Amino acid sequence: MRIYLPIYCMLFFLNLNAQTLLYKDSINVQAKVWSKDKEKKVTYSNWKTYTSHSIEMIKGFNSTENDLRDNYGGNNFFANNASGYFKISKNEDRFLFTDPLGNAYFNIGINGIRTGKSENNTKAFNENFKSTDEWIEKTHLDISSFGFNSAGSWSDINSITAFNKKTTSHFIYCTQLSLLSTFLQNRKTNALDYPVLANVFNPLFAAWCNEKILENKDTFKDPNLLGHFSDNELPLQEKLLTTFLKINDNDDPAFQAANEWLKRNNITKENITEIDENRFSGFVAENYFKIVNNALKKLDPNHLYLGSRLHSSAKNNPEVLRAAEKYVDVISINYYGSWDLNKKSNEQWASLSKPFMITEFYTKSEDANMENLSGAGWIVKSQKDRGIHYQNFILSFLQNKNCIGIHWFRYQDNDPTDKTADISNKDSNKGMINTNYNWYKPLTDAMSSINNKIYQLIKFIDTQKK
């Protein structure tokens, strides 16, 4: 009998890095839950009630002043030696970034800070801004006032870096390297039913990583770069062992890797269990993270490897997490399906030896008068409710001392008339700003009131009794 207790017991380990706030009140928010039926058609539940909390409800927290921040968005409540780049530090049992000046830095970002490309977007842009330079300057000013201190994935890096060269302000950003996804696009002969992650074992993948990373060489000495994401939502949640074995080609490297793994672990093809599938996913993840990490640290040792944005069940697969711990600097997670940080994830991620960051979450509102079918975010009734959810979500994650950043998805609403948009970004109120470049004030007011006190909240949480 095969026993895997030493690894899987981490699911039940309560780490003291998970803290608890006390509240003097709560508020109920109604929301519809996103799901897919058997035909993979998007459906939403009836309205359900979710108990939530806002910053004003925290017992004993009474701050009226905003945080003091340096030009990178950090705070000196603890400081290390300045390295000139973003690094990872631990203050007692709290992980945080340190910024290039050595100050504590909690990363609060927005994905997709870029201009829309549809005809409607272009018309609205021209009515609001004289140039891209004016747009990026105004956008940085606005989001900074809302307490955000970086751009997330899929943002306009060219405009951001051009802005940084002209000002003493610092617009922090991340790269999205898309290493495996671009490798697939480059391999035009790849069969449609060939497993995506089988390409990790292609001997050409490592060289491709070097080539793609070098395309970003202008960022290698940029102190405003937080770090690199290597991909987004790789399908590590799938039954990869079974899928790899279906390749059934003795000359295929992934098929060979799967059979060799079975042999090493004394497993037969007829006796594969769910635990075996999870372990094999960890094996695939480890190969992927090792290849990427080796390339990144060789070519850009100054900057952090921010992971591949785990999602679905992969974000809770202890084997995948163990693989990430070995090679990434920060474990990035796209978090959908829970109103806030659930108990299982809280305890599991608090026990990690590496910090984690949330790289996607959002809600969308009925009062935006959009179809709201694309994307996995919750539907709520109003922009005010989006703001309540945002604060409740942030507060739940701040209590986990391994969490060092949170990114909202995304800057601007989808434009339903944009025929070039990805299928997951067609018709939804995901943005902080609408297609006419008007901010949703009830949402941004709520964001501002908690973001601008994030360092005070961290210090307050860390002084509370466990």
Protein backbone atom coordinates (compact mmCIF):
# COMPACT_ATOMS: atom_id res chain seq x y z
CA MET A 1 0.00 0.00 0.00
CA ARG A 2 1.29 3.46 -0.95
CA ILE A 3 1.14 6.14 1.79
CA TYR A 4 1.71 9.86 1.15
CA LEU A 5 0.88 11.32 4.57
CA PRO A 6 4.01 13.51 5.02
CA ILE A 7 3.05 15.77 2.12
CA TYR A 8 -0.72 15.74 2.33
CA CYS A 9 -0.92 16.41 6.04
CA MET A 10 -0.04 20.06 5.24
CA LEU A 11 -3.70 20.51 4.26
CA PHE A 12 -4.66 20.14 7.90
CA PHE A 13 -1.80 22.07 9.48
CA LEU A 14 -2.94 25.28 11.15
CA ASN A 15 -0.07 27.75 10.90
CA LEU A 16 0.09 30.72 13.21
CA ASN A 17 0.76 32.94 10.20
CA ALA A 18 -3.03 33.06 9.82
CA GLN A 19 -4.44 35.83 12.03
CA THR A 20 -7.98 36.85 13.04
CA LEU A 21 -9.50 40.33 13.21
CA LEU A 22 -12.44 41.16 15.43
CA TYR A 23 -15.32 43.23 14.07
CA LYS A 24 -17.94 45.35 15.81
CA ASP A 25 -20.48 44.97 13.00
CA SER A 26 -21.08 43.32 9.62
CA ILE A 27 -23.01 43.98 6.44
CA ASN A 28 -24.83 41.59 4.12
CA VAL A 29 -24.21 41.72 0.38
CA GLN A 30 -26.25 39.82 -2.16
CA ALA A 31 -24.37 38.13 -4.98
CA LYS A 32 -24.81 35.59 -7.75
CA VAL A 33 -22.29 32.76 -8.01
CA TRP A 34 -20.67 31.96 -11.38
CA SER A 35 -20.44 28.36 -12.61
CA LYS A 36 -20.54 26.25 -15.78
CA ASP A 37 -23.03 23.50 -16.57
CA LYS A 38 -22.21 20.12 -18.15
CA GLU A 39 -22.06 21.74 -21.59
CA LYS A 40 -19.63 24.35 -20.17
CA LYS A 41 -22.20 27.09 -20.58
CA VAL A 42 -21.88 29.94 -18.06
CA THR A 43 -24.69 30.07 -15.52
CA TYR A 44 -25.33 32.11 -12.38
CA SER A 45 -27.10 31.11 -9.19
CA ASN A 46 -30.01 32.97 -7.65
CA TRP A 47 -29.11 35.79 -5.28
CA LYS A 48 -27.29 34.60 -2.18
CA THR A 49 -26.37 36.59 0.92
CA TYR A 50 -22.74 36.95 2.02
CA THR A 51 -21.73 38.43 5.37
CA SER A 52 -19.01 41.04 4.82
CA HIS A 53 -16.87 43.54 6.73
CA SER A 54 -15.40 46.92 5.95
CA ILE A 55 -12.46 48.80 7.41
CA GLU A 56 -14.75 50.94 9.60
CA MET A 57 -16.03 47.79 11.32
CA ILE A 58 -12.66 46.62 12.67
CA LYS A 59 -12.74 46.63 16.45
CA GLY A 60 -9.99 48.88 17.82
CA PHE A 61 -8.79 50.30 14.49
CA ASN A 62 -9.48 54.04 14.36
CA SER A 63 -6.98 55.61 11.96
CA THR A 64 -8.08 58.72 10.03
CA GLU A 65 -4.77 59.42 8.27
CA ASN A 66 -3.41 57.83 5.11
CA ASP A 67 -0.16 55.88 5.12
CA LEU A 68 3.12 57.68 4.56
CA ARG A 69 4.74 56.18 1.46
CA ASP A 70 8.01 56.57 -0.36
CA ASN A 71 8.13 57.17 -4.11
CA TYR A 72 7.86 53.44 -4.83
CA GLY A 73 4.75 53.02 -2.70
CA GLY A 74 6.55 51.47 0.27
CA ASN A 75 6.51 52.32 3.96
CA ASN A 76 9.37 52.38 6.47
CA PHE A 77 7.60 50.57 9.33
CA PHE A 78 10.39 48.09 8.83
CA ALA A 79 13.41 48.55 6.60
CA ASN A 80 16.31 46.54 5.22
CA ASN A 81 19.39 47.60 3.33
CA ALA A 82 18.51 49.19 -0.02
CA SER A 83 19.28 46.80 -2.88
CA GLY A 84 18.08 49.01 -5.73
CA TYR A 85 15.44 46.41 -6.70
CA PHE A 86 12.36 44.75 -5.24
CA LYS A 87 13.19 41.82 -2.97
CA ILE A 88 11.45 39.56 -0.43
CA SER A 89 11.88 40.04 3.31
CA LYS A 90 10.40 38.63 6.47
CA ASN A 91 9.73 40.74 9.54
CA GLU A 92 9.21 38.30 12.42
CA ASP A 93 6.48 36.07 10.91
CA ARG A 94 5.21 38.51 8.22
CA PHE A 95 6.42 38.25 4.61
CA LEU A 96 6.55 41.47 2.58
CA PHE A 97 8.32 42.83 -0.44
CA THR A 98 11.01 45.40 0.19
CA ASP A 99 11.21 48.17 -2.38
CA PRO A 100 14.45 49.45 -3.99
CA LEU A 101 14.97 51.78 -1.01
CA GLY A 102 14.73 48.86 1.42
CA ASN A 103 11.32 49.85 2.82
CA ALA A 104 8.41 47.47 3.41
CA TYR A 105 6.16 47.16 0.37
CA PHE A 106 2.74 45.52 0.06
CA ASN A 107 1.87 45.29 -3.62
CA ILE A 108 -1.61 46.56 -4.57
CA GLY A 109 -1.97 46.32 -8.33
CA ILE A 110 -4.40 46.58 -11.23
CA ASN A 111 -4.31 44.23 -14.20
CA GLY A 112 -4.63 45.43 -17.76
CA ILE A 113 -3.77 49.13 -17.43
CA ARG A 114 -3.92 49.81 -21.14
CA THR A 115 -6.19 51.66 -23.54
CA GLY A 116 -9.07 49.85 -25.21
CA LYS A 117 -8.71 49.24 -28.93
CA SER A 118 -12.30 49.11 -30.14
CA GLU A 119 -13.84 51.92 -32.17
CA ASN A 120 -15.86 53.02 -29.14
CA ASN A 121 -12.77 52.96 -26.90
CA THR A 122 -10.75 55.00 -29.38
CA LYS A 123 -13.48 57.63 -29.70
CA ALA A 124 -13.79 57.95 -25.90
CA PHE A 125 -10.01 58.10 -25.50
CA ASN A 126 -9.71 60.97 -27.99
CA GLU A 127 -12.46 62.87 -26.18
CA ASN A 128 -10.67 62.54 -22.82
CA PHE A 129 -6.94 62.69 -23.59
CA LYS A 130 -4.68 64.53 -25.99
CA SER A 131 -2.10 61.75 -26.10
CA THR A 132 -1.02 58.44 -24.60
CA ASP A 133 1.48 60.37 -22.48
CA GLU A 134 -1.33 62.43 -20.95
CA TRP A 135 -3.41 59.29 -20.38
CA ILE A 136 -0.65 57.38 -18.56
CA GLU A 137 0.25 60.39 -16.41
CA LYS A 138 -3.38 60.98 -15.43
CA THR A 139 -3.97 57.26 -14.84
CA HIS A 140 -0.94 57.00 -12.55
CA LEU A 141 -2.10 60.06 -10.60
CA ASP A 142 -5.62 58.65 -10.21
CA ILE A 143 -4.72 55.10 -9.19
CA SER A 144 -2.09 56.41 -6.77
CA SER A 145 -4.79 58.52 -5.12
CA PHE A 146 -6.83 55.30 -4.80
CA GLY A 147 -3.89 53.70 -2.96
CA PHE A 148 -2.70 51.37 -5.73
CA ASN A 149 1.06 51.13 -6.17
CA SER A 150 1.58 49.09 -9.34
CA ALA A 151 0.31 47.88 -12.68
CA GLY A 152 -0.30 44.14 -13.02
CA SER A 153 -0.15 41.79 -15.98
CA TRP A 154 -1.14 42.84 -19.51
CA SER A 155 -0.51 46.52 -18.85
CA ASP A 156 1.03 48.99 -21.32
CA ILE A 157 4.68 48.58 -20.33
CA ASN A 158 5.96 50.84 -23.11
CA SER A 159 3.86 53.77 -21.89
CA ILE A 160 4.73 53.05 -18.25
CA THR A 161 8.49 52.90 -18.83
CA ALA A 162 8.36 56.05 -20.99
CA PHE A 163 6.50 57.80 -18.15
CA ASN A 164 9.11 56.67 -15.62
CA LYS A 165 11.91 58.20 -17.69
CA LYS A 166 10.24 61.64 -17.60
CA THR A 167 9.36 61.93 -13.91
CA THR A 168 10.64 61.35 -10.41
CA SER A 169 7.47 59.36 -9.70
CA HIS A 170 7.71 55.58 -9.93
CA PHE A 171 5.06 53.60 -11.81
CA ILE A 172 5.76 50.01 -10.73
CA TYR A 173 4.95 47.25 -13.22
CA CYS A 174 5.31 43.53 -13.94
CA THR A 175 6.03 41.61 -17.12
CA GLN A 176 3.89 38.76 -18.44
CA LEU A 177 6.38 36.62 -20.36
CA SER A 178 3.83 34.00 -21.57
CA LEU A 179 6.65 31.54 -22.12
CA LEU A 180 4.74 28.31 -22.63
CA SER A 181 1.80 29.90 -24.44
CA THR A 182 4.08 31.60 -26.97
CA PHE A 183 6.05 28.37 -27.38
CA LEU A 184 2.77 26.70 -28.41
CA GLN A 185 1.97 29.48 -30.87
CA ASN A 186 5.43 29.15 -32.38
CA ARG A 187 5.04 25.39 -32.84
CA LYS A 188 2.46 25.53 -35.62
CA THR A 189 2.75 21.79 -36.23
CA ASN A 190 1.54 21.02 -32.70
CA ALA A 191 -1.60 18.85 -32.85
CA LEU A 192 -4.75 20.39 -31.40
CA ASP A 193 -5.22 17.47 -28.98
CA TYR A 194 -1.60 17.47 -27.80
CA PRO A 195 -1.48 18.34 -24.06
CA VAL A 196 -0.35 21.92 -23.41
CA LEU A 197 1.95 20.99 -20.54
CA ALA A 198 3.55 18.13 -22.47
CA ASN A 199 5.53 20.88 -24.20
CA VAL A 200 7.47 21.44 -20.98
CA PHE A 201 9.40 18.26 -21.85
CA ASN A 202 10.20 19.41 -25.36
CA PRO A 203 13.99 19.87 -25.46
CA LEU A 204 13.46 23.15 -27.36
CA PHE A 205 11.43 24.76 -24.55
CA ALA A 206 14.42 25.82 -22.44
CA ALA A 207 16.04 27.62 -25.38
CA TRP A 208 12.71 29.30 -26.14
CA CYS A 209 12.56 30.61 -22.55
CA ASN A 210 15.99 32.19 -22.96
CA GLU A 211 14.98 33.79 -26.24
CA LYS A 212 11.70 35.23 -24.92
CA ILE A 213 13.22 36.50 -21.67
CA LEU A 214 15.95 38.30 -23.61
CA GLU A 215 13.25 40.21 -25.49
CA ASN A 216 12.75 42.02 -22.16
CA LYS A 217 16.43 42.84 -21.63
CA ASP A 218 15.69 46.57 -21.43
CA THR A 219 13.90 45.91 -18.11
CA PHE A 220 16.74 43.92 -16.49
CA LYS A 221 18.20 46.97 -14.71
CA ASP A 222 14.92 48.80 -14.12
CA PRO A 223 14.23 49.37 -10.39
CA ASN A 224 10.55 49.98 -11.23
CA LEU A 225 10.04 46.37 -12.35
CA LEU A 226 8.53 44.29 -9.53
CA GLY A 227 9.23 40.99 -11.27
CA HIS A 228 8.27 38.56 -14.00
CA PHE A 229 5.21 36.33 -14.41
CA SER A 230 6.09 33.38 -16.64
CA ASP A 231 2.57 32.40 -17.80
CA ASN A 232 -1.07 32.53 -16.77
CA GLU A 233 -3.35 29.72 -15.57
CA LEU A 234 -1.50 26.71 -16.95
CA PRO A 235 -3.81 23.65 -16.88
CA LEU A 236 -2.11 21.94 -13.94
CA GLN A 237 -5.55 21.00 -12.59
CA GLU A 238 -6.11 18.47 -15.41
CA LYS A 239 -5.40 14.73 -15.18
CA LEU A 240 -1.99 15.13 -16.74
CA LEU A 241 -0.71 11.60 -16.15
CA THR A 242 -3.64 10.02 -17.97
CA THR A 243 -3.45 12.66 -20.70
CA PHE A 244 0.30 12.24 -21.25
CA LEU A 245 -0.09 8.46 -21.52
CA LYS A 246 -2.66 8.91 -24.27
CA ILE A 247 0.04 10.45 -26.46
CA ASN A 248 1.14 6.84 -27.02
CA ASP A 249 4.29 7.70 -28.93
CA ASN A 250 7.51 6.11 -27.70
CA ASP A 251 9.57 8.89 -29.29
CA ASP A 252 7.65 11.68 -27.53
CA PRO A 253 9.52 13.21 -24.53
CA ALA A 254 6.35 13.79 -22.48
CA PHE A 255 5.15 10.22 -23.07
CA GLN A 256 8.58 8.97 -22.05
CA ALA A 257 8.56 11.16 -18.92
CA ALA A 258 5.15 9.82 -17.86
CA ASN A 259 6.20 6.17 -18.26
CA GLU A 260 9.48 6.74 -16.44
CA TRP A 261 7.58 8.43 -13.59
CA LEU A 262 5.23 5.43 -13.33
CA LYS A 263 8.19 3.06 -13.18
CA ARG A 264 10.02 5.07 -10.50
CA ASN A 265 6.91 5.15 -8.34
CA ASN A 266 5.92 1.49 -8.86
CA ILE A 267 2.56 2.42 -10.38
CA THR A 268 0.82 0.59 -13.20
CA LYS A 269 -1.30 2.29 -15.85
CA GLU A 270 -4.32 0.33 -14.65
CA ASN A 271 -3.92 1.49 -11.04
CA ILE A 272 -3.62 5.30 -11.29
CA THR A 273 -5.34 7.13 -8.42
CA GLU A 274 -6.30 10.76 -7.86
CA ILE A 275 -3.31 11.09 -5.53
CA ASP A 276 -1.07 9.83 -8.32
CA GLU A 277 -2.53 12.42 -10.67
CA ASN A 278 -1.84 15.18 -8.14
CA ARG A 279 1.71 13.98 -7.61
CA PHE A 280 2.35 13.83 -11.34
CA SER A 281 1.00 17.39 -11.73
CA GLY A 282 3.58 18.40 -9.14
CA PHE A 283 6.26 16.62 -11.15
CA VAL A 284 5.26 18.51 -14.31
CA ALA A 285 5.09 21.80 -12.39
CA GLU A 286 8.54 21.21 -10.93
CA ASN A 287 10.04 20.67 -14.39
CA TYR A 288 8.34 23.81 -15.68
CA PHE A 289 9.33 26.04 -12.75
CA LYS A 290 12.91 24.73 -12.78
CA ILE A 291 13.41 25.48 -16.49
CA VAL A 292 11.93 28.97 -16.17
CA ASN A 293 13.75 29.81 -12.95
CA ASN A 294 17.10 28.73 -14.36
CA ALA A 295 16.61 30.97 -17.40
CA LEU A 296 15.33 33.96 -15.41
CA LYS A 297 18.02 33.91 -12.73
CA LYS A 298 20.76 33.51 -15.32
CA LEU A 299 19.54 36.37 -17.54
CA ASP A 300 17.92 38.72 -14.98
CA PRO A 301 19.23 38.01 -11.47
CA ASN A 302 18.04 41.44 -10.28
CA HIS A 303 14.34 40.71 -10.39
CA LEU A 304 11.85 38.36 -8.78
CA TYR A 305 10.20 35.34 -10.34
CA LEU A 306 6.50 35.84 -9.59
CA GLY A 307 5.29 32.40 -10.69
CA SER A 308 2.67 31.36 -13.25
CA ARG A 309 -0.61 32.49 -11.64
CA LEU A 310 -2.05 29.19 -10.40
CA HIS A 311 -5.81 28.75 -10.59
CA SER A 312 -8.60 26.21 -10.16
CA SER A 313 -7.68 23.15 -8.05
CA ALA A 314 -3.98 23.57 -8.88
CA LYS A 315 -3.76 26.44 -6.41
CA ASN A 316 -4.54 23.98 -3.61
CA ASN A 317 -2.65 20.96 -4.90
CA PRO A 318 0.11 20.52 -2.30
CA GLU A 319 2.37 18.87 -4.87
CA VAL A 320 2.14 21.84 -7.24
CA LEU A 321 2.68 24.25 -4.35
CA ARG A 322 5.70 22.27 -3.18
CA ALA A 323 7.18 22.51 -6.68
CA ALA A 324 6.55 26.25 -6.77
CA GLU A 325 8.18 26.71 -3.35
CA LYS A 326 11.41 25.26 -4.71
CA TYR A 327 11.80 27.62 -7.66
CA VAL A 328 9.68 30.77 -7.53
CA ASP A 329 10.17 33.82 -5.33
CA VAL A 330 6.43 34.47 -4.99
CA ILE A 331 3.58 32.00 -5.59
CA SER A 332 0.97 33.86 -7.66
CA ILE A 333 -2.67 32.77 -7.48
CA ASN A 334 -5.77 33.78 -9.45
CA TYR A 335 -8.54 33.46 -6.88
CA TYR A 336 -12.14 32.83 -7.89
CA GLY A 337 -15.02 30.86 -6.45
CA SER A 338 -14.86 32.09 -2.84
CA TRP A 339 -16.23 35.35 -1.47
CA ASP A 340 -13.08 35.84 0.60
CA LEU A 341 -10.16 33.73 1.84
CA ASN A 342 -11.64 30.37 2.78
CA LYS A 343 -10.40 28.32 5.72
CA LYS A 344 -8.73 25.57 3.68
CA SER A 345 -6.70 27.97 1.55
CA ASN A 346 -5.91 30.21 4.51
CA GLU A 347 -4.38 27.38 6.54
CA GLN A 348 -2.62 25.80 3.56
CA TRP A 349 -1.06 29.00 2.21
CA ALA A 350 -0.09 30.19 5.71
CA SER A 351 2.10 27.09 6.00
CA LEU A 352 4.05 27.79 2.81
CA SER A 353 7.77 28.52 2.99
CA LYS A 354 7.37 31.16 0.26
CA PRO A 355 5.01 34.15 0.19
CA PHE A 356 2.01 34.29 -2.12
CA MET A 357 0.09 37.03 -3.91
CA ILE A 358 -3.39 37.14 -5.38
CA THR A 359 -3.12 38.14 -9.03
CA GLU A 360 -6.77 38.16 -10.12
CA PHE A 361 -10.12 38.74 -8.44
CA TYR A 362 -13.10 41.00 -9.10
CA THR A 363 -16.84 41.46 -8.91
CA LYS A 364 -19.18 42.91 -11.53
CA SER A 365 -22.36 44.88 -10.96
CA GLU A 366 -25.86 44.74 -12.39
CA ASP A 367 -26.13 48.54 -12.33
CA ALA A 368 -23.47 48.77 -15.08
CA ASN A 369 -26.17 47.45 -17.46
CA MET A 370 -23.87 44.91 -19.10
CA GLU A 371 -24.57 41.28 -19.91
CA ASN A 372 -21.89 40.13 -17.43
CA LEU A 373 -21.59 36.59 -18.78
CA SER A 374 -17.87 36.38 -19.53
CA GLY A 375 -15.37 35.86 -16.73
CA ALA A 376 -15.58 34.08 -13.38
CA GLY A 377 -16.25 37.04 -11.06
CA TRP A 378 -19.27 37.39 -8.81
CA ILE A 379 -22.27 39.51 -9.79
CA VAL A 380 -23.48 42.01 -7.18
CA LYS A 381 -26.22 44.62 -7.35
CA SER A 382 -24.31 47.90 -7.27
CA GLN A 383 -20.91 49.59 -7.49
CA LYS A 384 -21.19 50.20 -3.74
CA ASP A 385 -21.49 46.44 -3.24
CA ARG A 386 -18.38 45.92 -5.38
CA GLY A 387 -16.59 48.25 -2.96
CA ILE A 388 -17.81 46.34 0.09
CA HIS A 389 -16.67 43.07 -1.44
CA TYR A 390 -13.27 44.60 -2.23
CA GLN A 391 -12.70 45.70 1.37
CA ASN A 392 -13.94 42.39 2.79
CA PHE A 393 -11.66 40.48 0.41
CA ILE A 394 -8.58 42.58 1.24
CA LEU A 395 -9.17 42.28 4.98
CA SER A 396 -9.43 38.50 4.81
CA PHE A 397 -6.09 38.19 2.98
CA LEU A 398 -4.21 40.73 5.11
CA GLN A 399 -4.74 38.42 8.06
CA ASN A 400 -2.61 35.79 6.35
CA LYS A 401 0.98 36.87 6.97
CA ASN A 402 2.28 35.05 3.88
CA CYS A 403 0.21 37.27 1.58
CA ILE A 404 2.35 40.07 0.11
CA GLY A 405 0.17 41.49 -2.65
CA ILE A 406 -3.24 41.63 -4.32
CA HIS A 407 -4.12 42.56 -7.92
CA TRP A 408 -7.61 43.60 -9.06
CA PHE A 409 -8.79 42.38 -12.45
CA ARG A 410 -9.00 44.83 -14.20
CA TYR A 411 -8.54 48.54 -15.21
CA GLN A 412 -11.35 48.97 -17.79
CA ASP A 413 -14.68 47.32 -18.53
CA ASN A 414 -15.04 45.01 -21.49
CA ASP A 415 -16.43 46.63 -24.63
CA PRO A 416 -19.06 44.28 -26.12
CA THR A 417 -18.42 45.80 -29.57
CA ASP A 418 -14.73 44.81 -29.52
CA LYS A 419 -14.51 41.93 -31.98
CA THR A 420 -10.83 41.30 -31.17
CA ALA A 421 -11.39 40.68 -27.45
CA ASP A 422 -10.62 37.33 -25.84
CA ILE A 423 -13.74 35.21 -25.24
CA SER A 424 -13.32 35.63 -21.46
CA ASN A 425 -13.37 39.45 -21.77
CA LYS A 426 -16.40 40.17 -23.94
CA ASP A 427 -19.24 41.73 -22.02
CA SER A 428 -18.57 42.34 -18.35
CA ASN A 429 -18.24 45.08 -15.74
CA LYS A 430 -14.80 44.06 -14.53
CA GLY A 431 -13.24 47.48 -14.66
CA MET A 432 -12.71 50.30 -12.21
CA ILE A 433 -13.33 52.57 -15.18
CA ASN A 434 -15.98 52.25 -17.88
CA THR A 435 -15.46 52.23 -21.65
CA ASN A 436 -15.80 56.04 -21.67
CA TYR A 437 -12.94 56.41 -19.15
CA ASN A 438 -15.16 57.37 -16.22
CA TRP A 439 -14.23 55.91 -12.83
CA TYR A 440 -16.88 54.04 -10.83
CA LYS A 441 -16.71 56.39 -7.84
CA PRO A 442 -18.48 54.22 -5.21
CA LEU A 443 -16.00 51.45 -6.03
CA THR A 444 -12.87 53.61 -6.11
CA ASP A 445 -13.91 55.41 -2.91
CA ALA A 446 -14.07 52.07 -1.10
CA MET A 447 -10.78 50.97 -2.61
CA SER A 448 -9.12 54.22 -1.61
CA SER A 449 -10.27 54.08 2.00
CA ILE A 450 -8.63 50.69 2.63
CA ASN A 451 -5.68 50.81 0.22
CA ASN A 452 -4.39 54.07 1.66
CA LYS A 453 -4.24 52.53 5.13
CA ILE A 454 -2.78 49.17 4.13
CA TYR A 455 0.45 49.54 6.14
CA GLN A 456 -1.39 50.74 9.23
CA LEU A 457 -3.70 47.74 8.91
CA ILE A 458 -0.77 45.34 8.63
CA LYS A 459 0.84 46.80 11.74
CA PHE A 460 -2.49 46.67 13.59
CA ILE A 461 -3.12 43.03 12.61
CA ASP A 462 0.38 42.01 13.63
CA THR A 463 -0.07 43.44 17.11
CA GLN A 464 -3.29 41.53 17.78
CA LYS A 465 -3.23 38.45 19.95
CA LYS A 466 -3.39 35.16 18.07
